Amino acid sequence: RPASAPAGFQAVLRPYQQDGLGWPLAMGRAGLGVCLADDMGLGKTVQVLALLRQRQLEGAGGPSLVVMPKSLLGNWAAEAARFAPSLCCQFYVGAGRSLDDMAAADVVFTTYGTMRLDAEALSAVEFDYCILDESQAIKNAESSTAKAARTLRARHRLVMTGTPVENNLLELLSQLQFLNPGIFGQGRVAELGAGLEEAQLRRLRQLVRPLLLRRRKEDVAKDLPPRTEQTIFCEMGDRQKALYEELRDYYRQKFQEEGMEANKMEALAALLRLRQAACHPLLVNETLTWVESAKFDVLLAQLESILDGGHKALVFSQFTKLLHLLEPELRTRNWQFCYLDGQTADRQAVVADFQNNPDKRLFLISLKAGGTGLNLTAADYVFLLDPWWNPAVEAQAVDRAYRIGQTRPVFAYRLLTVGTVEEKVAKLQQSKRRLAEAILDAVPQSGEQISREDLESLLVE
């Protein structure tokens, strides 16, 4: 049943968030771990902080542990200080970390890397709650990260993710195995993950349903403004097209003659080069004396119109070098911008600058470094410069702007170069999207990670 925000909690919980608080409390009393899988931007962190504050009021014995990607440490600390200032929060990271600091803490923040390194030491502590944020980090049940997580001891367990299924069923089941090892043992995980038919999917959904809470924005946050997504197809000029086709023909002939099976790593490298050539020729040949990028032509024209209208925009790419190539184009036009990638030291300061500085109207962001844990509602336009294999990663990027706190319609644009491997990548994305829907929305489809057949269709056909 719904639970009101605990005393001293500095936020009013929406009705669905009250459900999101009452549900883990009830399941915890039954001895079951749960997965909070709300859409990105619906406030999973707020719901979990309310849970931790409630446990503090109930006199929970011992601290709770929250494990997260390193990039989210600052966000968790800021949110805790804002919404649950009575919680005593400690960091367990860095060279001087010590278990002794946990004694007086209500909540301990650490990273997946630290958890993996200190698994033996951490397993000596019994936590009240063990919480994994962005829990797709343990999607591979055989990874050292997942194995380390399973050694942690806690009275209650909870995982948080907006993308519980990214590539295949085993990823979801690995998370359930962490939550409830007595129900989903390793053998059971392998059994459930192998070749599911429609009847087996129904059975799996029955098993998962009580343990997974997922709400969509359109269902529970009806006050959010509309979101529009569009794919913009970019036509290469003659020189970029000639460079791309030369690369494509070289790799196509090579793999037709030598086969794919013995050259999978080389095939992946070939795919990378083709995807880069579809974005910007300088990504594959730095010595070129000409510069011609269909995507830059389209993007810069779009940005000029958007900025003239007083809007702010996010620009994502998986290639940091592509973002760096864009920087001089922006400076030439006197457009001020922020930049964030995996090497950015003070993410929160950069985010605050973009959110609050009216002159900083563009934010260049590495897709993998900035796709999670950022609140960028000052932007109402999002550009994805290159497609990623996993559509969930792109969805996370769009949801940096389309989340609670956004008051304007959001427009998201995916740029694809016509006649290139990018069009095939977009088709491959659909199988992964259908997989998530099959488990979470009862659509009987399935999918898998990129396979030899996928590679052949991308490179040879």
Foldseek 3Di string as FASTA:
>chain_A
DFAFQDPQFQDGDARVLSVVQVQQVVVLVVQFAFEEQAAPFACPLSSVLSNLLVCVVVPQPFAEEEEEAPLQPVVSVVNCCNGPVVFFEEEQDDDPGDPVVRNPGNYYYYYLVVLLVCLVVQLVDEHAEYEYEQLLVCLPCPDSSLVSLLSHHHSAYYYYHNPQFWFFQSRNLSVSCSRCVVVRPPVNSVVLGPDDFLVSLVVLLVVRVSRYDYDYCVVRVVQFDAEAEEEDEFEFDPVLVVVLVVLLVVLQVVCVVVPCPVCVVVLVVSQVLNQVSQAWVCVNPVPDPDTTGRLLVVVVVVVVVQVVVQFAEEEEEQDVVSVVVCVVVCVVVVQAEAEDEPPDDDPVVSLCCCQPPSRHRYYYYYLVSPLDNAQNQSHQEYEYSADDLTVVSVSSNQSSRRHPVRNDYHYYYYYHYPPTLRVLSVVSNVLSVVQSCCNPVVDGGGGHPQDSVSSCVSRHD
